[in-house]
Amino acid sequence: MSTDFIIKQLQERFKNRESFTRKELYALYCAYEPELKEATFRWRIYDLKAKHIIRSLAAGLYTLDYIPNFYPEVSDSTKNLHKILLQQFPGLKLCIWNTKLLNEFMLHIPIKYITLLEVEKDAIEPVFHYLQDIRMTDVFLQPSEIELERYVKEREEAVVLRSLISKAPVQILDGVPTTTLEKLVVDIYSDEKIFSAYQGSELAHIINNAYNKYTLDLSKLYAYAKRRGRADALKEYLTNETDIRTKV
């Protein structure tokens, strides 16, 4: 049985389906390869993903629609900040991203932006004092709601320093640890005070555009949301307020 043949059968079988399960995919293969072993089937799934025939929606759930991964552009200022920090704190676990990357998903574009600098909990105080020592202005350490309103949101591009949640889903782009789409969605949903400009109907608009434009791994999203204590609330919101009909 050729690879092209099974791909055609797969596409024909599931072409009118939003998603299909691993069990259904395995049954399709077994119809033509009754002796198919589990290890071989895992390799077949890997090959289908690599060829952009299928993509994962969640654990054991797939779709035929290929959507690219989310790889936001890393600005020069973000690269410079990362370089400065690693020179002083080698091996520091961190994540840096700027709210400007949300522009492509938004209906109403803001005129001011925030850089989120998240570092491991034990390093947050030393990092803050170091940035103060080198006279980096507009850096705010885990600002309160009042500080956000009075100071942070008045700056053109403030830096908000806060703790990085363990096992947060980050990705390395241009050598810089930055946000994934899953982390982005969970963060803007969970941190209403920091991301007040992205709430209400704008939040649903952002999530819908992100979901329709890029691959969104719901398993990864909910694993992170669970660590933030927001999994159940986020699941309800996505199901009721967005295009995502969650099955996780």
Protein backbone atom coordinates (compact mmCIF):
# COMPACT_ATOMS: atom_id res chain seq x y z
CA MET A 1 0.00 0.00 0.00
CA SER A 2 1.48 3.34 -1.06
CA THR A 3 1.59 6.41 1.16
CA ASP A 4 -0.27 8.45 -1.45
CA PHE A 5 -3.10 5.90 -1.46
CA ILE A 6 -3.70 6.02 2.30
CA ILE A 7 -3.49 9.82 2.30
CA LYS A 8 -6.19 9.96 -0.37
CA GLN A 9 -8.36 7.56 1.65
CA LEU A 10 -7.80 9.64 4.78
CA GLN A 11 -8.69 12.89 3.04
CA GLU A 12 -11.77 11.37 1.48
CA ARG A 13 -12.96 9.81 4.75
CA PHE A 14 -12.60 12.94 6.87
CA LYS A 15 -12.97 15.77 4.35
CA ASN A 16 -16.31 16.93 5.77
CA ARG A 17 -15.29 16.54 9.40
CA GLU A 18 -14.01 19.31 11.67
CA SER A 19 -11.99 16.72 13.55
CA PHE A 20 -11.42 13.01 13.99
CA THR A 21 -9.94 10.89 16.75
CA ARG A 22 -6.79 8.82 16.94
CA LYS A 23 -8.99 5.73 17.24
CA GLU A 24 -10.76 6.57 13.99
CA LEU A 25 -7.46 7.17 12.22
CA TYR A 26 -6.10 3.86 13.50
CA ALA A 27 -9.23 2.04 12.27
CA LEU A 28 -8.73 3.56 8.81
CA TYR A 29 -5.15 2.31 8.66
CA CYS A 30 -6.10 -1.14 9.96
CA ALA A 31 -8.66 -1.52 7.17
CA TYR A 32 -5.68 -1.68 4.80
CA GLU A 33 -3.02 -2.94 7.23
CA PRO A 34 -4.70 -5.39 9.63
CA GLU A 35 -1.38 -6.24 11.30
CA LEU A 36 -0.37 -2.62 11.90
CA LYS A 37 1.64 -2.30 15.11
CA GLU A 38 1.25 0.59 17.54
CA ALA A 39 4.88 1.71 17.11
CA THR A 40 4.45 1.83 13.34
CA PHE A 41 1.18 3.72 13.69
CA ARG A 42 2.86 6.37 15.87
CA TRP A 43 5.43 6.85 13.12
CA ARG A 44 2.63 7.17 10.54
CA ILE A 45 1.04 9.95 12.60
CA TYR A 46 4.39 11.72 12.87
CA ASP A 47 4.85 11.45 9.10
CA LEU A 48 1.35 12.84 8.40
CA LYS A 49 2.07 15.83 10.63
CA ALA A 50 5.47 16.41 9.04
CA LYS A 51 3.85 16.45 5.59
CA HIS A 52 1.14 18.84 6.82
CA ILE A 53 -1.63 16.34 6.06
CA ILE A 54 -3.03 16.47 9.59
CA ARG A 55 -2.47 18.58 12.69
CA SER A 56 -3.27 18.08 16.36
CA LEU A 57 -6.17 19.88 17.99
CA ALA A 58 -5.75 18.16 21.34
CA ALA A 59 -4.48 14.87 22.71
CA GLY A 60 -5.77 12.17 20.35
CA LEU A 61 -7.75 14.64 18.24
CA TYR A 62 -6.80 15.75 14.71
CA THR A 63 -8.00 17.75 11.75
CA LEU A 64 -7.10 17.80 8.06
CA ASP A 65 -6.86 21.57 7.88
CA TYR A 66 -3.27 22.71 8.00
CA ILE A 67 -2.66 26.01 9.73
CA PRO A 68 0.84 27.42 10.32
CA ASN A 69 2.39 27.71 13.76
CA PHE A 70 2.59 31.07 15.51
CA TYR A 71 6.07 32.56 15.20
CA PRO A 72 5.88 36.25 16.18
CA GLU A 73 8.62 38.64 15.17
CA VAL A 74 11.14 39.40 17.90
CA SER A 75 12.00 43.11 17.95
CA ASP A 76 15.52 44.49 18.27
CA SER A 77 14.66 46.01 21.65
CA THR A 78 13.52 42.60 22.91
CA LYS A 79 16.73 40.99 21.65
CA ASN A 80 18.81 43.66 23.35
CA LEU A 81 16.99 43.24 26.66
CA HIS A 82 17.50 39.49 26.48
CA LYS A 83 21.21 39.94 25.74
CA ILE A 84 21.67 42.33 28.66
CA LEU A 85 19.98 39.96 31.09
CA LEU A 86 21.89 36.86 30.03
CA GLN A 87 25.21 38.69 30.33
CA GLN A 88 24.42 39.39 33.99
CA PHE A 89 22.37 36.25 34.73
CA PRO A 90 23.65 33.32 32.63
CA GLY A 91 21.15 30.49 32.39
CA LEU A 92 18.26 32.64 33.59
CA LYS A 93 14.87 31.17 32.74
CA LEU A 94 12.70 33.87 31.23
CA CYS A 95 10.13 34.83 28.64
CA ILE A 96 9.87 38.19 26.86
CA TRP A 97 7.14 39.48 24.58
CA ASN A 98 5.52 42.75 23.64
CA THR A 99 1.77 43.38 23.35
CA LYS A 100 2.41 44.87 19.92
CA LEU A 101 2.32 41.34 18.53
CA LEU A 102 -1.41 41.28 19.31
CA ASN A 103 -2.06 43.90 16.64
CA GLU A 104 -2.56 41.36 13.87
CA PHE A 105 -5.51 39.87 15.75
CA MET A 106 -7.19 43.09 16.88
CA LEU A 107 -10.03 45.25 15.63
CA HIS A 108 -9.03 48.36 17.61
CA ILE A 109 -5.27 48.90 17.63
CA PRO A 110 -3.86 50.55 20.79
CA ILE A 111 -1.27 53.31 20.65
CA LYS A 112 0.71 52.18 23.70
CA TYR A 113 2.32 48.83 24.41
CA ILE A 114 3.75 46.81 27.26
CA THR A 115 6.75 44.49 27.25
CA LEU A 116 6.16 41.50 29.50
CA LEU A 117 9.38 40.28 31.10
CA GLU A 118 8.82 37.09 33.06
CA VAL A 119 11.67 35.50 35.00
CA GLU A 120 11.94 32.62 37.43
CA LYS A 121 10.59 33.53 40.86
CA ASP A 122 13.89 33.53 42.77
CA ALA A 123 15.48 35.90 40.25
CA ILE A 124 12.77 38.52 40.05
CA GLU A 125 14.18 40.85 42.74
CA PRO A 126 17.82 40.65 41.56
CA VAL A 127 16.71 41.27 37.96
CA PHE A 128 14.66 44.29 38.98
CA HIS A 129 17.49 45.85 40.98
CA TYR A 130 19.95 45.18 38.16
CA LEU A 131 17.74 46.95 35.64
CA GLN A 132 17.48 49.85 38.05
CA ASP A 133 21.28 49.91 38.45
CA ILE A 134 21.81 50.22 34.71
CA ARG A 135 19.20 52.97 34.66
CA MET A 136 16.67 51.18 32.54
CA THR A 137 13.61 53.37 32.92
CA ASP A 138 9.96 52.40 32.85
CA VAL A 139 10.45 48.99 34.48
CA PHE A 140 7.71 48.02 36.95
CA LEU A 141 7.93 45.11 39.36
CA GLN A 142 4.62 43.22 39.51
CA PRO A 143 2.64 46.48 39.52
CA SER A 144 -0.61 46.83 41.41
CA GLU A 145 -3.82 47.88 39.71
CA ILE A 146 -3.26 51.47 40.82
CA GLU A 147 0.30 51.47 39.49
CA LEU A 148 -0.91 50.04 36.19
CA GLU A 149 -3.44 52.81 35.75
CA ARG A 150 -1.33 55.70 37.02
CA TYR A 151 2.09 54.85 35.64
CA VAL A 152 2.42 51.78 33.41
CA LYS A 153 -0.33 52.62 30.96
CA GLU A 154 0.90 56.19 30.67
CA ARG A 155 4.26 55.08 29.25
CA GLU A 156 4.80 54.54 25.55
CA GLU A 157 6.37 51.11 26.09
CA ALA A 158 6.66 50.13 29.75
CA VAL A 159 8.31 46.91 30.90
CA VAL A 160 6.32 44.84 33.38
CA LEU A 161 8.48 42.42 35.35
CA ARG A 162 6.76 39.44 36.91
CA SER A 163 7.31 35.79 37.86
CA LEU A 164 7.45 33.15 35.17
CA ILE A 165 5.07 30.31 35.96
CA SER A 166 6.85 26.95 35.96
CA LYS A 167 6.39 24.88 32.80
CA ALA A 168 4.88 27.84 30.96
CA PRO A 169 4.79 27.08 27.20
CA VAL A 170 7.49 29.25 25.65
CA GLN A 171 9.37 29.00 22.36
CA ILE A 172 12.81 30.15 21.24
CA LEU A 173 12.78 32.57 18.30
CA ASP A 174 15.97 34.31 17.14
CA GLY A 175 17.57 32.98 20.30
CA VAL A 176 15.00 34.67 22.55
CA PRO A 177 12.52 32.78 24.79
CA THR A 178 9.14 34.27 23.92
CA THR A 179 5.46 33.46 24.13
CA THR A 180 3.59 30.74 22.31
CA LEU A 181 0.03 31.23 21.11
CA GLU A 182 -1.26 29.01 23.91
CA LYS A 183 0.48 31.10 26.56
CA LEU A 184 -0.70 34.29 24.91
CA VAL A 185 -4.37 33.29 25.00
CA VAL A 186 -4.23 32.13 28.62
CA ASP A 187 -2.36 35.23 29.78
CA ILE A 188 -4.60 37.85 28.18
CA TYR A 189 -7.67 36.00 29.46
CA SER A 190 -6.31 35.56 33.00
CA ASP A 191 -4.60 38.91 33.58
CA GLU A 192 -7.49 41.31 33.10
CA LYS A 193 -5.75 44.18 34.89
CA ILE A 194 -2.56 44.12 32.84
CA PHE A 195 -4.43 43.44 29.61
CA SER A 196 -7.44 45.65 30.25
CA ALA A 197 -7.20 47.08 26.71
CA TYR A 198 -7.79 43.58 25.33
CA GLN A 199 -10.92 42.56 27.21
CA GLY A 200 -14.62 42.47 26.34
CA SER A 201 -15.54 41.89 22.70
CA GLU A 202 -11.91 42.59 21.74
CA LEU A 203 -10.77 39.50 23.65
CA ALA A 204 -13.11 37.21 21.72
CA HIS A 205 -12.04 38.91 18.49
CA ILE A 206 -8.36 38.31 19.28
CA ILE A 207 -8.87 34.66 20.20
CA ASN A 208 -11.04 33.94 17.15
CA ASN A 209 -8.52 35.49 14.78
CA ALA A 210 -5.63 33.68 16.45
CA TYR A 211 -7.49 30.35 16.37
CA ASN A 212 -8.45 30.71 12.70
CA LYS A 213 -5.02 31.88 11.58
CA TYR A 214 -2.61 29.68 13.54
CA THR A 215 -2.37 26.27 15.14
CA LEU A 216 -3.67 26.33 18.70
CA ASP A 217 -2.87 23.24 20.77
CA LEU A 218 -5.73 22.97 23.25
CA SER A 219 -3.96 20.34 25.36
CA LYS A 220 -1.00 22.66 25.85
CA LEU A 221 -3.32 25.62 26.42
CA TYR A 222 -5.30 23.89 29.17
CA ALA A 223 -2.20 22.44 30.83
CA TYR A 224 -0.91 25.99 31.26
CA ALA A 225 -4.32 27.36 32.23
CA LYS A 226 -4.55 24.66 34.91
CA ARG A 227 -1.22 25.79 36.37
CA ARG A 228 -2.73 29.27 36.57
CA GLY A 229 -5.91 27.95 38.17
CA ARG A 230 -8.02 29.13 35.22
CA ALA A 231 -8.66 25.98 33.18
CA ASP A 232 -12.37 25.52 33.94
CA ALA A 233 -13.24 29.19 33.54
CA LEU A 234 -11.28 29.48 30.31
CA LYS A 235 -12.88 26.35 28.88
CA GLU A 236 -16.34 27.77 29.57
CA TYR A 237 -15.39 31.10 28.02
CA LEU A 238 -13.92 29.56 24.86
CA THR A 239 -16.93 27.30 24.39
CA ASN A 240 -19.54 30.00 24.93
CA GLU A 241 -17.89 33.16 23.60
CA THR A 242 -15.56 32.13 20.77
CA ASP A 243 -15.38 29.99 17.63
CA ILE A 244 -13.64 27.27 19.61
CA ARG A 245 -15.88 24.38 20.55
CA THR A 246 -13.55 22.78 23.03
CA LYS A 247 -13.46 19.02 23.49
CA VAL A 248 -10.69 18.90 26.10
